[in-house]
N, C-alpha and C. Protein backbone atom coordinates (compact mmCIF):
# COMPACT_ATOMS: atom_id res chain seq x y z
N MET A 1 38.89 19.54 -48.69
CA MET A 1 37.85 20.31 -49.01
C MET A 1 37.53 19.57 -50.39
N ILE A 2 36.19 19.31 -50.38
CA ILE A 2 35.61 18.78 -51.55
C ILE A 2 35.19 20.04 -52.52
N GLN A 3 35.68 19.62 -53.81
CA GLN A 3 35.30 20.59 -55.02
C GLN A 3 34.32 19.89 -55.86
N LEU A 4 33.80 20.63 -56.82
CA LEU A 4 32.34 20.25 -57.40
C LEU A 4 32.79 18.95 -58.23
N ALA A 5 34.19 18.92 -58.99
CA ALA A 5 34.48 17.88 -59.51
C ALA A 5 34.57 16.54 -58.64
N ASP A 6 34.99 16.61 -57.24
CA ASP A 6 34.91 15.61 -56.67
C ASP A 6 33.38 15.17 -56.45
N ALA A 7 32.58 16.05 -56.20
CA ALA A 7 31.18 15.49 -55.90
C ALA A 7 30.56 14.95 -57.04
N ARG A 8 30.96 15.41 -58.26
CA ARG A 8 30.55 14.77 -59.26
C ARG A 8 30.72 13.63 -59.52
N ARG A 9 32.20 13.12 -59.32
CA ARG A 9 32.77 11.81 -59.24
C ARG A 9 32.15 10.91 -58.22
N ILE A 10 31.68 11.63 -57.14
CA ILE A 10 31.02 10.53 -56.15
C ILE A 10 29.58 10.30 -56.51
N ILE A 11 28.88 11.39 -57.14
CA ILE A 11 27.69 10.99 -57.47
C ILE A 11 27.29 9.96 -58.63
N ALA A 12 28.57 10.06 -59.65
CA ALA A 12 28.71 9.01 -60.75
C ALA A 12 28.83 7.63 -60.15
N ALA A 13 29.79 7.42 -59.27
CA ALA A 13 29.85 6.24 -58.59
C ALA A 13 28.51 5.67 -57.72
N ALA A 14 27.92 6.58 -57.15
CA ALA A 14 26.83 6.20 -56.47
C ALA A 14 25.72 5.70 -57.43
N GLU A 15 25.61 6.73 -58.65
CA GLU A 15 24.63 6.40 -59.50
C GLU A 15 25.03 4.86 -60.31
N LYS A 16 26.01 4.86 -60.48
CA LYS A 16 26.49 3.36 -61.02
C LYS A 16 25.93 2.33 -60.07
N LYS A 17 26.25 2.44 -59.07
CA LYS A 17 25.60 1.52 -58.00
C LYS A 17 24.29 1.29 -57.93
N ALA A 18 23.71 2.36 -58.11
CA ALA A 18 22.18 2.30 -58.00
C ALA A 18 21.40 1.60 -59.26
N GLU A 19 22.31 1.97 -60.48
CA GLU A 19 21.85 1.26 -61.50
C GLU A 19 21.87 -0.05 -61.64
N GLU A 20 23.09 -0.72 -60.93
CA GLU A 20 23.41 -2.15 -60.78
C GLU A 20 22.18 -2.67 -59.89
N LEU A 21 21.91 -2.03 -58.92
CA LEU A 21 20.67 -2.51 -58.01
C LEU A 21 19.46 -2.38 -58.60
N GLY A 22 19.36 -1.74 -59.64
CA GLY A 22 18.16 -1.46 -60.25
C GLY A 22 16.93 -0.47 -59.71
N GLN A 23 17.60 0.27 -58.69
CA GLN A 23 16.81 1.24 -58.02
C GLN A 23 17.27 2.51 -58.20
N PRO A 24 16.44 3.52 -58.80
CA PRO A 24 16.51 4.99 -58.93
C PRO A 24 16.71 5.71 -57.56
N MET A 25 17.80 6.54 -57.48
CA MET A 25 18.02 7.21 -56.31
C MET A 25 18.32 8.58 -56.43
N ASN A 26 18.05 9.33 -55.27
CA ASN A 26 18.44 10.93 -54.98
C ASN A 26 19.90 10.81 -54.24
N VAL A 27 20.82 11.46 -54.49
CA VAL A 27 22.14 11.48 -54.33
C VAL A 27 22.51 12.99 -53.91
N ALA A 28 22.94 13.29 -52.72
CA ALA A 28 23.38 14.79 -52.25
C ALA A 28 24.78 14.68 -51.81
N ILE A 29 25.42 15.91 -52.11
CA ILE A 29 26.72 15.89 -51.42
C ILE A 29 26.78 17.31 -50.73
N VAL A 30 27.36 17.23 -49.55
CA VAL A 30 27.64 18.35 -48.92
C VAL A 30 28.98 18.61 -48.46
N ASP A 31 29.30 19.87 -48.32
CA ASP A 31 30.62 20.06 -48.15
C ASP A 31 31.06 20.25 -46.45
N GLU A 32 32.23 20.47 -46.10
CA GLU A 32 32.68 20.54 -44.43
C GLU A 32 31.54 21.19 -43.74
N GLY A 33 31.03 22.19 -44.30
CA GLY A 33 30.06 23.11 -43.48
C GLY A 33 28.74 22.62 -43.54
N GLY A 34 28.41 21.53 -44.28
CA GLY A 34 27.13 20.70 -44.25
C GLY A 34 26.29 21.67 -45.37
N ASN A 35 26.70 22.35 -46.27
CA ASN A 35 26.30 23.12 -47.34
C ASN A 35 26.08 22.21 -48.79
N LEU A 36 24.95 22.04 -49.22
CA LEU A 36 24.84 21.58 -50.37
C LEU A 36 25.61 21.88 -51.46
N ILE A 37 26.40 20.98 -52.21
CA ILE A 37 27.37 21.52 -53.32
C ILE A 37 26.98 20.70 -54.40
N ALA A 38 26.29 19.39 -54.38
CA ALA A 38 25.54 18.84 -55.86
C ALA A 38 24.70 17.88 -55.37
N PHE A 39 23.83 17.95 -56.26
CA PHE A 39 22.54 16.86 -56.15
C PHE A 39 22.29 16.49 -57.45
N GLU A 40 21.77 14.94 -57.48
CA GLU A 40 21.25 14.31 -58.67
C GLU A 40 20.07 13.61 -58.42
N ARG A 41 19.05 13.85 -59.13
CA ARG A 41 17.88 12.91 -58.96
C ARG A 41 17.72 11.98 -60.35
N MET A 42 18.15 10.71 -59.95
CA MET A 42 17.90 9.74 -61.08
C MET A 42 16.59 9.68 -61.79
N THR A 43 16.24 9.58 -62.97
CA THR A 43 15.02 9.48 -63.52
C THR A 43 14.14 8.19 -62.62
N ASN A 44 13.02 8.77 -62.35
CA ASN A 44 11.89 7.94 -61.45
C ASN A 44 12.37 7.99 -59.98
N ALA A 45 13.16 8.30 -59.50
CA ALA A 45 13.67 8.30 -58.06
C ALA A 45 12.36 9.16 -57.42
N TRP A 46 12.11 8.48 -56.18
CA TRP A 46 10.98 9.20 -55.50
C TRP A 46 11.18 10.75 -55.21
N LEU A 47 10.26 11.49 -55.45
CA LEU A 47 10.23 13.06 -55.18
C LEU A 47 10.41 13.21 -53.74
N GLY A 48 9.84 12.28 -52.82
CA GLY A 48 9.71 12.47 -51.44
C GLY A 48 11.47 12.29 -50.91
N SER A 49 12.01 11.57 -51.77
CA SER A 49 13.35 11.24 -51.17
C SER A 49 14.47 12.50 -51.49
N ILE A 50 14.08 13.39 -52.10
CA ILE A 50 15.01 14.55 -52.44
C ILE A 50 15.32 15.19 -51.18
N ASP A 51 14.30 15.85 -50.52
CA ASP A 51 14.72 16.22 -49.26
C ASP A 51 15.42 15.42 -48.25
N ILE A 52 15.16 13.92 -47.99
CA ILE A 52 15.72 12.84 -47.26
C ILE A 52 16.91 12.91 -47.64
N SER A 53 17.60 12.82 -48.91
CA SER A 53 18.77 12.42 -49.30
C SER A 53 19.56 13.69 -48.64
N GLN A 54 19.10 15.05 -49.01
CA GLN A 54 19.94 16.21 -48.45
C GLN A 54 19.95 16.29 -47.08
N LYS A 55 19.04 15.92 -46.41
CA LYS A 55 19.19 15.98 -44.92
C LYS A 55 19.81 14.66 -44.50
N LYS A 56 19.95 13.60 -44.97
CA LYS A 56 20.98 12.73 -44.52
C LYS A 56 22.42 12.92 -44.70
N ALA A 57 22.75 13.60 -45.92
CA ALA A 57 24.18 14.15 -45.88
C ALA A 57 24.27 15.21 -44.88
N TRP A 58 23.39 16.16 -44.58
CA TRP A 58 23.69 17.16 -43.46
C TRP A 58 23.88 16.45 -42.25
N THR A 59 23.13 15.55 -41.95
CA THR A 59 23.19 14.76 -40.60
C THR A 59 24.47 14.15 -40.56
N SER A 60 24.90 13.63 -41.32
CA SER A 60 26.03 12.78 -41.32
C SER A 60 27.15 13.48 -41.09
N ARG A 61 27.24 14.78 -41.74
CA ARG A 61 28.30 15.72 -41.55
C ARG A 61 28.00 16.32 -40.20
N ALA A 62 27.05 16.89 -39.85
CA ALA A 62 26.78 17.42 -38.58
C ALA A 62 27.23 16.75 -37.31
N PHE A 63 26.97 15.18 -37.63
CA PHE A 63 27.67 14.56 -36.35
C PHE A 63 28.68 13.61 -36.66
N ASP A 64 29.04 13.74 -38.02
CA ASP A 64 30.48 12.96 -38.32
C ASP A 64 30.31 11.33 -38.35
N ILE A 65 29.14 10.81 -38.47
CA ILE A 65 28.80 9.59 -38.18
C ILE A 65 27.79 9.15 -39.40
N PRO A 66 28.01 7.85 -39.65
CA PRO A 66 26.89 7.44 -40.70
C PRO A 66 25.56 7.45 -40.10
N THR A 67 24.64 7.83 -40.97
CA THR A 67 22.98 7.78 -40.44
C THR A 67 22.85 6.44 -40.02
N LYS A 68 23.18 5.44 -40.61
CA LYS A 68 22.91 3.95 -40.25
C LYS A 68 23.35 3.79 -38.85
N ASP A 69 24.54 4.32 -38.21
CA ASP A 69 25.11 4.09 -36.96
C ASP A 69 24.37 4.86 -35.82
N LEU A 70 23.89 6.13 -36.33
CA LEU A 70 23.10 6.90 -35.64
C LEU A 70 21.83 6.56 -35.01
N ALA A 71 21.10 5.80 -36.42
CA ALA A 71 20.04 5.29 -36.07
C ALA A 71 19.95 4.02 -35.07
N ASP A 72 20.88 3.39 -35.06
CA ASP A 72 21.02 2.39 -33.98
C ASP A 72 21.30 2.94 -32.59
N HIS A 73 21.88 3.98 -32.43
CA HIS A 73 21.97 4.67 -31.25
C HIS A 73 20.77 5.63 -30.67
N SER A 74 20.00 5.83 -31.66
CA SER A 74 18.77 6.85 -31.27
C SER A 74 17.67 6.06 -31.01
N GLN A 75 17.73 4.74 -30.97
CA GLN A 75 16.45 3.88 -30.42
C GLN A 75 16.07 4.04 -28.86
N SER A 76 14.97 3.81 -28.57
CA SER A 76 14.40 3.99 -27.32
C SER A 76 15.49 3.29 -26.22
N GLY A 77 15.86 4.11 -25.33
CA GLY A 77 16.76 3.65 -24.20
C GLY A 77 18.42 3.80 -24.55
N ASN A 78 18.53 4.21 -25.86
CA ASN A 78 20.14 4.37 -26.12
C ASN A 78 20.39 5.79 -26.14
N GLN A 79 21.66 6.07 -26.08
CA GLN A 79 22.13 7.53 -25.68
C GLN A 79 21.55 8.43 -26.52
N PHE A 80 21.19 8.30 -27.81
CA PHE A 80 20.76 9.50 -28.59
C PHE A 80 19.14 9.59 -28.97
N PHE A 81 18.61 8.83 -28.08
CA PHE A 81 17.18 8.81 -28.33
C PHE A 81 16.52 10.05 -28.28
N GLY A 82 15.78 10.50 -29.28
CA GLY A 82 14.98 11.73 -29.40
C GLY A 82 15.77 12.84 -30.36
N ILE A 83 17.19 12.53 -30.81
CA ILE A 83 18.02 13.34 -31.40
C ILE A 83 17.19 13.71 -32.78
N HIS A 84 16.41 13.09 -33.50
CA HIS A 84 15.68 13.05 -34.87
C HIS A 84 15.09 14.43 -34.44
N ALA A 85 14.49 15.00 -33.35
CA ALA A 85 13.71 15.85 -33.03
C ALA A 85 14.62 17.30 -32.99
N SER A 86 15.77 17.03 -33.11
CA SER A 86 16.67 18.15 -32.96
C SER A 86 16.76 19.04 -34.14
N ASN A 87 17.56 20.11 -34.19
CA ASN A 87 17.64 20.98 -35.27
C ASN A 87 16.67 21.12 -36.24
N ASP A 88 15.53 21.54 -35.59
CA ASP A 88 14.14 21.75 -36.27
C ASP A 88 13.77 20.53 -37.05
N GLY A 89 14.03 19.50 -36.62
CA GLY A 89 13.62 18.23 -37.43
C GLY A 89 14.44 17.69 -38.47
N LYS A 90 15.72 18.42 -38.70
CA LYS A 90 16.59 18.25 -39.79
C LYS A 90 17.18 16.96 -39.87
N VAL A 91 17.38 16.39 -38.60
CA VAL A 91 18.16 15.04 -38.32
C VAL A 91 17.55 13.92 -39.04
N MET A 92 18.20 13.19 -39.86
CA MET A 92 17.65 11.91 -40.38
C MET A 92 18.42 10.74 -39.80
N ILE A 93 17.45 9.69 -39.28
CA ILE A 93 18.16 8.58 -38.54
C ILE A 93 17.85 7.28 -39.33
N PHE A 94 17.77 7.40 -40.93
CA PHE A 94 17.74 6.19 -41.69
C PHE A 94 19.14 6.23 -42.29
N ALA A 95 19.47 4.75 -42.79
CA ALA A 95 20.64 4.57 -43.26
C ALA A 95 20.79 5.38 -44.68
N GLY A 96 22.01 5.55 -44.99
CA GLY A 96 22.16 6.30 -46.12
C GLY A 96 22.91 7.73 -46.39
N GLY A 97 23.47 7.87 -45.22
CA GLY A 97 24.28 9.17 -45.22
C GLY A 97 25.64 8.71 -44.62
N ILE A 98 26.66 8.90 -45.11
CA ILE A 98 28.12 8.76 -44.86
C ILE A 98 29.24 10.03 -44.94
N PRO A 99 29.79 10.09 -43.96
CA PRO A 99 30.80 11.21 -43.77
C PRO A 99 31.92 10.79 -45.02
N LEU A 100 32.31 11.92 -45.78
CA LEU A 100 33.48 11.88 -46.55
C LEU A 100 34.65 12.36 -45.77
N LYS A 101 35.62 11.35 -46.04
CA LYS A 101 37.06 11.77 -45.38
C LYS A 101 38.06 11.70 -46.29
N GLN A 102 39.00 12.85 -46.12
CA GLN A 102 40.34 12.84 -46.81
C GLN A 102 41.40 12.88 -45.72
N GLU A 103 42.53 11.88 -45.67
CA GLU A 103 43.36 11.82 -44.76
C GLU A 103 42.98 12.01 -43.23
N GLY A 104 41.68 10.98 -43.32
CA GLY A 104 41.35 10.99 -42.02
C GLY A 104 40.42 12.14 -41.54
N LYS A 105 40.18 13.26 -42.10
CA LYS A 105 39.45 14.28 -41.72
C LYS A 105 38.23 14.31 -42.65
N VAL A 106 37.09 14.92 -41.85
CA VAL A 106 35.95 14.70 -42.32
C VAL A 106 35.54 15.97 -43.39
N VAL A 107 35.53 15.94 -44.59
CA VAL A 107 35.41 17.10 -45.40
C VAL A 107 33.98 17.39 -46.01
N GLY A 108 33.07 16.63 -45.72
CA GLY A 108 31.74 16.60 -46.22
C GLY A 108 30.86 15.44 -45.90
N ALA A 109 29.81 15.00 -46.82
CA ALA A 109 29.10 13.91 -46.67
C ALA A 109 28.39 13.39 -47.72
N ILE A 110 27.87 12.53 -48.18
CA ILE A 110 26.91 11.91 -48.99
C ILE A 110 25.78 11.64 -48.35
N GLY A 111 24.53 11.72 -48.95
CA GLY A 111 23.32 11.26 -48.58
C GLY A 111 22.61 10.60 -49.72
N VAL A 112 21.79 9.26 -49.47
CA VAL A 112 21.33 8.75 -50.39
C VAL A 112 19.82 8.40 -50.09
N SER A 113 18.94 8.40 -50.94
CA SER A 113 17.53 8.03 -50.50
C SER A 113 16.72 7.66 -51.84
N GLY A 114 16.21 6.29 -51.65
CA GLY A 114 15.35 6.11 -52.64
C GLY A 114 14.99 4.65 -52.67
N GLY A 115 15.62 4.00 -52.11
CA GLY A 115 15.32 2.46 -51.83
C GLY A 115 15.17 2.02 -50.46
N SER A 116 15.45 0.91 -50.26
CA SER A 116 15.56 0.41 -48.65
C SER A 116 16.84 1.10 -47.92
N GLY A 117 16.88 0.85 -46.72
CA GLY A 117 17.94 1.31 -46.07
C GLY A 117 19.10 0.56 -46.33
N VAL A 118 19.11 -0.67 -46.76
CA VAL A 118 20.11 -1.25 -46.97
C VAL A 118 20.76 -0.76 -48.47
N GLN A 119 19.78 -0.73 -49.27
CA GLN A 119 20.13 -0.31 -50.71
C GLN A 119 20.82 1.29 -50.49
N ASP A 120 20.06 2.24 -49.79
CA ASP A 120 20.73 3.42 -49.62
C ASP A 120 22.16 3.37 -49.02
N HIS A 121 22.47 2.66 -48.13
CA HIS A 121 23.71 2.62 -47.34
C HIS A 121 24.80 2.02 -48.52
N THR A 122 24.38 1.13 -49.12
CA THR A 122 25.27 0.58 -50.17
C THR A 122 25.70 1.49 -51.22
N VAL A 123 24.67 2.19 -51.71
CA VAL A 123 24.93 3.26 -52.70
C VAL A 123 25.73 4.52 -52.09
N ALA A 124 25.70 4.79 -50.98
CA ALA A 124 26.32 5.89 -50.42
C ALA A 124 27.51 5.44 -50.28
N GLU A 125 27.89 4.02 -49.74
CA GLU A 125 29.08 3.55 -49.65
C GLU A 125 30.02 3.59 -50.87
N ALA A 126 29.38 3.15 -52.16
CA ALA A 126 30.10 3.07 -53.31
C ALA A 126 30.26 4.55 -53.77
N GLY A 127 29.59 5.50 -53.44
CA GLY A 127 30.00 6.84 -53.79
C GLY A 127 30.96 7.50 -52.89
N ALA A 128 31.09 7.34 -51.40
CA ALA A 128 32.09 7.64 -50.62
C ALA A 128 33.44 6.92 -51.04
N ALA A 129 33.49 5.76 -51.77
CA ALA A 129 34.63 5.13 -52.07
C ALA A 129 35.33 5.75 -53.31
N ALA A 130 34.62 6.66 -53.90
CA ALA A 130 34.92 7.35 -55.17
C ALA A 130 35.92 8.60 -54.70
N LEU A 131 35.66 9.13 -53.61
CA LEU A 131 36.64 10.32 -53.12
C LEU A 131 37.83 9.69 -53.02
């Protein structure tokens, strides 16, 4: 189970990486049930990415897969094509969402948005590593 202190540590690590990249980000942490437990919007991070970061975290937890991988599988002709339209459009298929695991069990997820897909994924990885 992710505690608020864990979420704050994860966000701090993600923000540190975002600062290194020079890209302000929105960072969301959800728990095992996909519920938002912490969120941080860095100064000058895109307003439109607030919702996206939260939905990336939810998507990653809902399917227990990095959103980057889900994006690959959801292209035309692939097994999850059209998944982005499920769950009332809540599914995000952009890089930046990563499941958070403790002892091999998914306990939540991080969602990051505000830069390129590569930047978002890199920042999410840095945050996930802090758990």
